[in-house]
Amino acid sequence: MSGAQVTVVGSGNAFNTDGRAHASYLIDSAPDADCRRTRVLMDCGATTLQRLQSLRIDPSSIDAVALTHFHGDHYAGLPFVLLQMGLVNRRAAPLVIFGPPGVADACEAIYGLCYPGLKLPFTIEYSEIDARNSADERDAGSFDFRGLRLTGYPIRHRRESTGYRVVDLTGGGSFAFSGDTFFDEQLVQLVDGVDLALIELSMPEQYDPPVAHVALSEVRARGHELRAKRVVYTHITDDLARRVVDEQLGEAASDGAVYSF
């Protein structure tokens, strides 16, 4: 591995349809001058620790976590990952958790429900990424973190929902992740021009009234608007994945897949 890459820890929906794991994606930066890489876990659904163990990835190698929103299939695995880091790996280094406004309260609440009163031997540093301020990457919607630049973009799903663009400041590659979203102009803007975009795809047809997820019918009608160099659909089922590939609409993620950017 010479450049930046994303490992799909989990490519599934909230129901683990077809045995796919909950949403989680591990970003590895390109190596710096000292051959060191930065690792950021983007979303941490309930199955994340089991998947990290299956992939032989040491949770304590993760430098930061970035959360898109506070639904269980995107962040309910956090208490177990923290517990592994603290009690098994005996982590001492601080962990940074990026997320929308309210991220500290949301994370402390779910950890407290799972393990009330159990203190960790390392500190957690919370950094809010306010996607409402992301028009200029130099403002509060953007953070530089150990060779990666994370910028939050407003996404329509929940009030706090945030999509991310990640730029590898060493190699220059760019990556975008939608989290859960409508197919709308905000999604189009998020992925515009990036080297790799991971976009959710949850159902064959949109509902009436519409729900805040992407449908295959919308990809067929509007997929040409997604001006990323490479588009991979995730948060997906096996049937939707086959249709994406058969109809040449893009690529379809699977648990354990690795993509360079």
Protein backbone atom coordinates (compact mmCIF):
# COMPACT_ATOMS: atom_id res chain seq x y z
CA MET A 1 0.00 0.00 0.00
CA SER A 2 1.70 3.20 -1.18
CA GLY A 3 -1.18 5.73 -1.20
CA ALA A 4 -4.31 6.40 0.82
CA GLN A 5 -7.00 3.75 0.98
CA VAL A 6 -10.40 2.90 2.46
CA THR A 7 -11.24 -0.53 3.86
CA VAL A 8 -14.94 -1.37 3.98
CA VAL A 9 -15.41 -2.72 7.49
CA GLY A 10 -19.18 -2.94 6.99
CA SER A 11 -21.24 -2.37 3.83
CA GLY A 12 -24.73 -3.22 5.06
CA ASN A 13 -27.90 -1.56 6.28
CA ALA A 14 -29.49 -1.46 9.73
CA PHE A 15 -30.96 -4.96 9.24
CA ASN A 16 -27.66 -6.70 8.30
CA THR A 17 -29.44 -7.92 5.17
CA ASP A 18 -27.57 -10.78 3.43
CA GLY A 19 -25.20 -10.95 6.40
CA ARG A 20 -23.58 -7.59 5.62
CA ALA A 21 -22.16 -5.72 8.59
CA HIS A 22 -23.24 -2.28 9.76
CA ALA A 23 -21.69 0.86 8.29
CA SER A 24 -18.00 1.38 9.05
CA TYR A 25 -15.05 2.42 6.88
CA LEU A 26 -11.37 2.58 7.81
CA ILE A 27 -9.30 5.30 6.14
CA ASP A 28 -5.53 4.91 5.96
CA SER A 29 -3.58 7.98 4.86
CA ALA A 30 -0.59 7.83 2.57
CA PRO A 31 2.65 7.46 4.57
CA ASP A 32 4.35 10.65 5.67
CA ALA A 33 8.09 11.36 5.49
CA ASP A 34 8.63 9.07 8.49
CA CYS A 35 6.54 6.28 6.89
CA ARG A 36 3.75 6.80 9.40
CA ARG A 37 0.08 6.56 8.46
CA THR A 38 -3.01 8.05 10.02
CA ARG A 39 -6.06 5.86 10.60
CA VAL A 40 -9.58 7.26 10.84
CA LEU A 41 -12.63 5.04 11.39
CA MET A 42 -15.61 6.60 9.63
CA ASP A 43 -18.83 5.49 11.33
CA CYS A 44 -18.93 2.67 13.82
CA GLY A 45 -22.07 0.57 13.53
CA ALA A 46 -22.95 -2.09 16.07
CA THR A 47 -20.98 -4.88 14.32
CA THR A 48 -17.76 -2.88 13.94
CA LEU A 49 -15.60 -4.51 16.60
CA GLN A 50 -16.41 -8.02 15.37
CA ARG A 51 -15.51 -6.96 11.83
CA LEU A 52 -12.24 -5.32 12.91
CA GLN A 53 -11.32 -8.54 14.71
CA SER A 54 -12.17 -10.60 11.62
CA LEU A 55 -10.00 -8.34 9.46
CA ARG A 56 -7.14 -8.60 11.99
CA ILE A 57 -7.17 -4.82 12.48
CA ASP A 58 -6.02 -3.67 15.91
CA PRO A 59 -8.58 -1.14 17.18
CA SER A 60 -5.82 0.69 19.03
CA SER A 61 -4.16 1.50 15.70
CA ILE A 62 -7.09 3.88 15.05
CA ASP A 63 -6.16 7.53 15.63
CA ALA A 64 -9.64 9.03 15.29
CA VAL A 65 -13.29 8.24 14.67
CA ALA A 66 -15.57 10.37 12.47
CA LEU A 67 -19.34 9.99 12.79
CA THR A 68 -21.94 11.03 10.21
CA HIS A 69 -25.01 10.85 12.47
CA PHE A 70 -26.37 9.18 15.57
CA HIS A 71 -28.35 6.19 14.31
CA GLY A 72 -27.38 2.85 15.85
CA ASP A 73 -26.18 1.21 12.64
CA HIS A 74 -23.69 4.07 12.29
CA TYR A 75 -22.44 4.57 15.84
CA ALA A 76 -23.76 1.95 18.29
CA GLY A 77 -20.55 -0.07 17.99
CA LEU A 78 -18.54 2.69 19.61
CA PRO A 79 -18.83 1.47 23.25
CA PHE A 80 -17.42 -1.96 22.32
CA VAL A 81 -14.53 -0.48 20.32
CA LEU A 82 -13.71 1.85 23.21
CA LEU A 83 -13.89 -1.04 25.68
CA GLN A 84 -11.51 -3.13 23.55
CA MET A 85 -9.09 -0.22 23.28
CA GLY A 86 -9.15 0.44 27.02
CA LEU A 87 -9.42 -2.92 28.75
CA VAL A 88 -7.78 -5.31 26.27
CA ASN A 89 -5.30 -3.16 24.34
CA ARG A 90 -4.59 -0.89 27.35
CA ARG A 91 -4.53 2.15 25.10
CA ALA A 92 -2.89 5.23 26.59
CA ALA A 93 -2.94 7.65 23.66
CA PRO A 94 -5.90 10.02 23.39
CA LEU A 95 -8.60 9.20 20.83
CA VAL A 96 -10.14 11.97 18.74
CA ILE A 97 -13.83 11.66 17.82
CA PHE A 98 -15.10 14.00 15.09
CA GLY A 99 -18.79 14.47 14.52
CA PRO A 100 -21.71 16.85 14.15
CA PRO A 101 -22.65 19.27 16.92
CA GLY A 102 -23.69 17.23 19.94
CA VAL A 103 -21.17 14.45 19.27
CA ALA A 104 -19.78 14.46 22.81
CA ASP A 105 -23.22 14.13 24.43
CA ALA A 106 -24.28 11.41 21.97
CA CYS A 107 -21.14 9.32 22.50
CA GLU A 108 -21.09 9.72 26.27
CA ALA A 109 -24.76 8.78 26.43
CA ILE A 110 -24.42 5.52 24.51
CA TYR A 111 -21.26 4.50 26.33
CA GLY A 112 -22.91 5.27 29.65
CA LEU A 113 -25.91 3.10 28.77
CA CYS A 114 -23.69 0.15 27.87
CA TYR A 115 -21.07 0.46 30.64
CA PRO A 116 -22.25 2.90 33.31
CA GLY A 117 -19.46 4.07 35.60
CA LEU A 118 -16.71 2.15 33.76
CA LYS A 119 -13.83 4.56 33.17
CA LEU A 120 -11.41 4.24 30.29
CA PRO A 121 -7.63 4.55 30.75
CA PHE A 122 -7.30 7.05 27.89
CA THR A 123 -8.89 10.40 27.14
CA ILE A 124 -11.35 11.16 24.36
CA GLU A 125 -11.06 14.50 22.59
CA TYR A 126 -14.24 15.54 20.81
CA SER A 127 -14.14 17.87 17.79
CA GLU A 128 -17.40 19.15 16.34
CA ILE A 129 -17.54 19.53 12.58
CA ASP A 130 -20.35 21.94 11.81
CA ALA A 131 -21.40 21.11 8.26
CA ARG A 132 -23.42 24.31 8.07
CA ASN A 133 -20.12 26.21 7.85
CA SER A 134 -18.48 24.13 5.11
CA ALA A 135 -18.74 26.44 2.11
CA ASP A 136 -15.09 27.43 2.67
CA GLU A 137 -12.78 24.53 3.62
CA ARG A 138 -10.76 26.88 5.84
CA ASP A 139 -13.63 27.51 8.23
CA ALA A 140 -15.12 25.61 11.17
CA GLY A 141 -16.46 22.87 8.89
CA SER A 142 -12.94 21.61 8.17
CA PHE A 143 -10.14 20.09 10.27
CA ASP A 144 -6.58 19.08 9.41
CA PHE A 145 -5.64 15.94 11.30
CA ARG A 146 -2.26 14.28 10.90
CA GLY A 147 -2.04 14.57 7.15
CA LEU A 148 -5.76 14.31 6.43
CA ARG A 149 -8.20 17.16 5.89
CA LEU A 150 -11.77 16.34 6.93
CA THR A 151 -14.54 18.64 5.76
CA GLY A 152 -18.17 18.24 6.77
CA TYR A 153 -20.99 18.84 4.28
CA PRO A 154 -24.68 19.18 5.17
CA ILE A 155 -26.66 16.07 4.27
CA ARG A 156 -30.42 15.55 4.51
CA HIS A 157 -31.22 12.52 6.66
CA ARG A 158 -31.27 13.54 10.31
CA ARG A 159 -30.87 17.07 11.56
CA GLU A 160 -27.24 16.45 12.53
CA SER A 161 -26.32 14.41 9.44
CA THR A 162 -22.93 15.20 7.98
CA GLY A 163 -21.23 13.89 4.85
CA TYR A 164 -17.45 13.98 4.72
CA ARG A 165 -14.82 14.86 2.18
CA VAL A 166 -11.35 13.65 3.10
CA VAL A 167 -8.23 14.91 1.35
CA ASP A 168 -4.93 13.13 1.82
CA LEU A 169 -2.49 16.03 2.21
CA THR A 170 0.53 13.82 1.43
CA GLY A 171 -0.62 12.01 -1.69
CA GLY A 172 -3.32 14.46 -2.80
CA GLY A 173 -6.11 11.92 -3.19
CA SER A 174 -9.69 12.71 -2.20
CA PHE A 175 -12.56 10.64 -0.83
CA ALA A 176 -16.20 11.38 0.02
CA PHE A 177 -18.68 9.45 2.14
CA SER A 178 -22.37 10.28 2.14
CA GLY A 179 -23.58 8.58 5.29
CA ASP A 180 -27.36 8.20 4.91
CA THR A 181 -28.94 10.74 2.59
CA PHE A 182 -31.54 11.80 0.07
CA PHE A 183 -30.37 11.91 -3.54
CA ASP A 184 -30.29 15.68 -3.93
CA GLU A 185 -28.07 18.62 -4.80
CA GLN A 186 -26.27 18.41 -1.46
CA LEU A 187 -25.15 14.88 -2.28
CA VAL A 188 -24.05 15.98 -5.76
CA GLN A 189 -22.00 18.80 -4.25
CA LEU A 190 -20.40 16.52 -1.66
CA VAL A 191 -18.92 14.12 -4.22
CA ASP A 192 -18.12 16.61 -6.98
CA GLY A 193 -14.62 16.00 -8.32
CA VAL A 194 -13.38 13.52 -5.70
CA ASP A 195 -11.28 10.50 -6.64
CA LEU A 196 -13.50 8.06 -4.75
CA ALA A 197 -17.08 8.41 -3.48
CA LEU A 198 -18.89 5.91 -1.26
CA ILE A 199 -22.63 6.57 -1.47
CA GLU A 200 -25.46 4.81 0.29
CA LEU A 201 -28.02 2.83 -1.72
CA SER A 202 -30.84 1.40 0.36
CA MET A 203 -33.83 0.35 -1.75
CA PRO A 204 -35.03 -0.35 -5.29
CA GLU A 205 -37.64 2.43 -5.50
CA GLN A 206 -38.27 5.62 -3.57
CA TYR A 207 -41.31 5.69 -1.31
CA ASP A 208 -44.25 8.11 -1.41
CA PRO A 209 -43.73 10.27 0.54
CA PRO A 210 -39.95 10.02 0.01
CA VAL A 211 -37.67 8.77 2.78
CA ALA A 212 -34.13 9.98 3.45
CA HIS A 213 -32.28 7.23 1.62
CA VAL A 214 -31.08 6.71 -1.95
CA ALA A 215 -33.10 4.43 -4.25
CA LEU A 216 -31.84 2.53 -7.29
CA SER A 217 -34.46 4.26 -9.43
CA GLU A 218 -32.85 7.60 -8.49
CA VAL A 219 -29.40 6.32 -9.40
CA ARG A 220 -30.71 5.26 -12.80
CA ALA A 221 -32.27 8.67 -13.37
CA ARG A 222 -29.63 10.94 -11.82
CA GLY A 223 -26.45 8.93 -11.38
CA HIS A 224 -24.79 10.91 -14.19
CA GLU A 225 -24.85 13.95 -11.88
CA LEU A 226 -22.38 12.31 -9.50
CA ARG A 227 -19.14 13.73 -10.85
CA ALA A 228 -16.71 11.63 -8.84
CA LYS A 229 -13.97 9.73 -10.66
CA ARG A 230 -15.08 6.50 -9.03
CA VAL A 231 -18.48 5.82 -7.44
CA VAL A 232 -19.03 2.88 -5.11
CA TYR A 233 -22.46 2.19 -3.64
CA THR A 234 -22.69 0.89 -0.07
CA HIS A 235 -25.24 0.49 2.78
CA ILE A 236 -26.53 -2.02 0.26
CA THR A 237 -28.08 -5.46 -0.22
CA ASP A 238 -26.78 -8.27 -2.45
CA ASP A 239 -29.66 -7.80 -4.90
CA LEU A 240 -29.05 -4.06 -5.25
CA ALA A 241 -25.32 -4.70 -5.62
CA ARG A 242 -25.94 -7.11 -8.50
CA ARG A 243 -28.21 -4.62 -10.24
CA VAL A 244 -25.66 -1.81 -9.90
CA VAL A 245 -22.98 -3.94 -11.51
CA ASP A 246 -25.22 -5.54 -14.16
CA GLU A 247 -26.58 -2.14 -15.24
CA GLN A 248 -23.10 -0.56 -15.14
CA LEU A 249 -24.26 2.16 -12.76
CA GLY A 250 -21.06 2.08 -10.72
CA GLU A 251 -19.42 -0.31 -8.30
CA ALA A 252 -20.89 -2.06 -5.28
CA ALA A 253 -19.10 -2.39 -1.95
CA SER A 254 -18.70 -5.60 0.01
CA ASP A 255 -17.44 -6.26 3.52
CA GLY A 256 -13.64 -6.29 3.48
CA ALA A 257 -13.21 -4.55 0.11
CA VAL A 258 -10.31 -2.09 -0.16
CA TYR A 259 -10.28 0.99 -2.40
CA SER A 260 -7.36 3.33 -3.09
CA PHE A 261 -7.70 7.07 -3.56
